[in-house]
Amino acid sequence: MLRSTARYIPEADAIDALQQFPQLWEQLFPGEQARIIQLLVRRVTVTAEGLVIDLRTDGIAGVMRDMMTPRQLEAAE
């Protein structure tokens, strides 16, 4: 689902959400994990020296919004 409304995410909320990411990752189905990787990674280049991973900065914001939305809904209840 594409969301067109841009929203400011406070730095402290982003840090908190990222610190909880490993626990969230373990609970996701493989298809959900693949979707997150597709949102975050633009391209992976393999060279003789190693890997070069280009990230999508706009994808990071989308993942952060998705991670924070359930918590905000719970707080409103």
Protein backbone atom coordinates (compact mmCIF):
# COMPACT_ATOMS: atom_id res chain seq x y z
CA MET A 1 0.00 0.00 0.00
CA LEU A 2 1.43 3.34 -1.02
CA ARG A 3 1.10 6.27 1.32
CA SER A 4 1.27 9.71 -0.18
CA THR A 5 1.19 11.77 3.00
CA ALA A 6 4.63 12.73 4.24
CA ARG A 7 4.95 12.90 7.99
CA TYR A 8 7.73 14.15 10.24
CA ILE A 9 9.16 11.46 12.50
CA PRO A 10 10.97 12.79 15.58
CA GLU A 11 14.54 11.52 15.90
CA ALA A 12 13.90 9.95 19.32
CA ASP A 13 10.96 7.96 17.92
CA ALA A 14 13.06 6.79 14.97
CA ILE A 15 15.88 5.66 17.28
CA ASP A 16 13.42 3.82 19.53
CA ALA A 17 11.81 2.04 16.56
CA LEU A 18 15.20 1.03 15.13
CA GLN A 19 16.31 -0.38 18.48
CA GLN A 20 13.24 -2.62 18.46
CA PHE A 21 13.79 -3.74 14.86
CA PRO A 22 15.58 -7.06 15.63
CA GLN A 23 12.64 -8.30 17.72
CA LEU A 24 10.21 -7.20 15.01
CA TRP A 25 12.28 -8.88 12.27
CA GLU A 26 12.13 -12.25 14.05
CA GLN A 27 8.32 -12.10 14.13
CA LEU A 28 7.86 -11.33 10.42
CA PHE A 29 6.97 -13.89 7.79
CA PRO A 30 9.60 -14.34 5.03
CA GLY A 31 7.37 -12.47 2.55
CA GLU A 32 7.18 -9.48 4.88
CA GLN A 33 10.95 -9.55 5.36
CA ALA A 34 11.42 -9.58 1.58
CA ARG A 35 9.08 -6.58 1.22
CA ILE A 36 11.11 -4.59 3.76
CA ILE A 37 14.37 -5.46 2.00
CA GLN A 38 12.87 -4.32 -1.32
CA LEU A 39 11.83 -1.03 0.29
CA LEU A 40 15.28 -0.46 1.77
CA VAL A 41 17.72 -1.73 -0.88
CA ARG A 42 17.99 -0.05 -4.27
CA ARG A 43 20.84 -2.16 -5.64
CA VAL A 44 23.48 -4.67 -4.54
CA THR A 45 26.70 -4.75 -6.55
CA VAL A 46 29.16 -7.62 -6.12
CA THR A 47 32.81 -6.78 -6.77
CA ALA A 48 36.09 -8.58 -6.21
CA GLU A 49 36.56 -6.44 -3.08
CA GLY A 50 33.11 -7.18 -1.62
CA LEU A 51 29.54 -5.91 -1.76
CA VAL A 52 28.28 -2.41 -2.43
CA ILE A 53 24.75 -1.86 -1.15
CA ASP A 54 22.84 1.24 -2.28
CA LEU A 55 19.97 2.09 0.07
CA ARG A 56 16.70 3.85 -0.68
CA THR A 57 16.42 6.65 1.85
CA ASP A 58 12.75 7.13 0.99
CA GLY A 59 12.23 3.43 1.75
CA ILE A 60 13.65 3.86 5.23
CA ALA A 61 11.06 6.53 6.01
CA GLY A 62 8.28 4.21 4.81
CA VAL A 63 9.48 1.35 6.99
CA MET A 64 9.74 3.69 9.98
CA ARG A 65 6.17 4.91 9.43
CA ASP A 66 4.91 1.32 9.19
CA MET A 67 6.77 0.34 12.36
CA MET A 68 5.46 3.31 14.35
CA THR A 69 1.82 3.33 13.20
CA PRO A 70 0.62 0.35 15.32
CA ARG A 71 2.23 1.83 18.44
CA GLN A 72 0.53 5.18 17.88
CA LEU A 73 -2.84 3.47 17.38
CA GLU A 74 -2.38 1.55 20.65
CA ALA A 75 -1.55 4.77 22.48
CA ALA A 76 -4.75 6.37 21.19
CA GLU A 77 -6.93 3.59 22.63
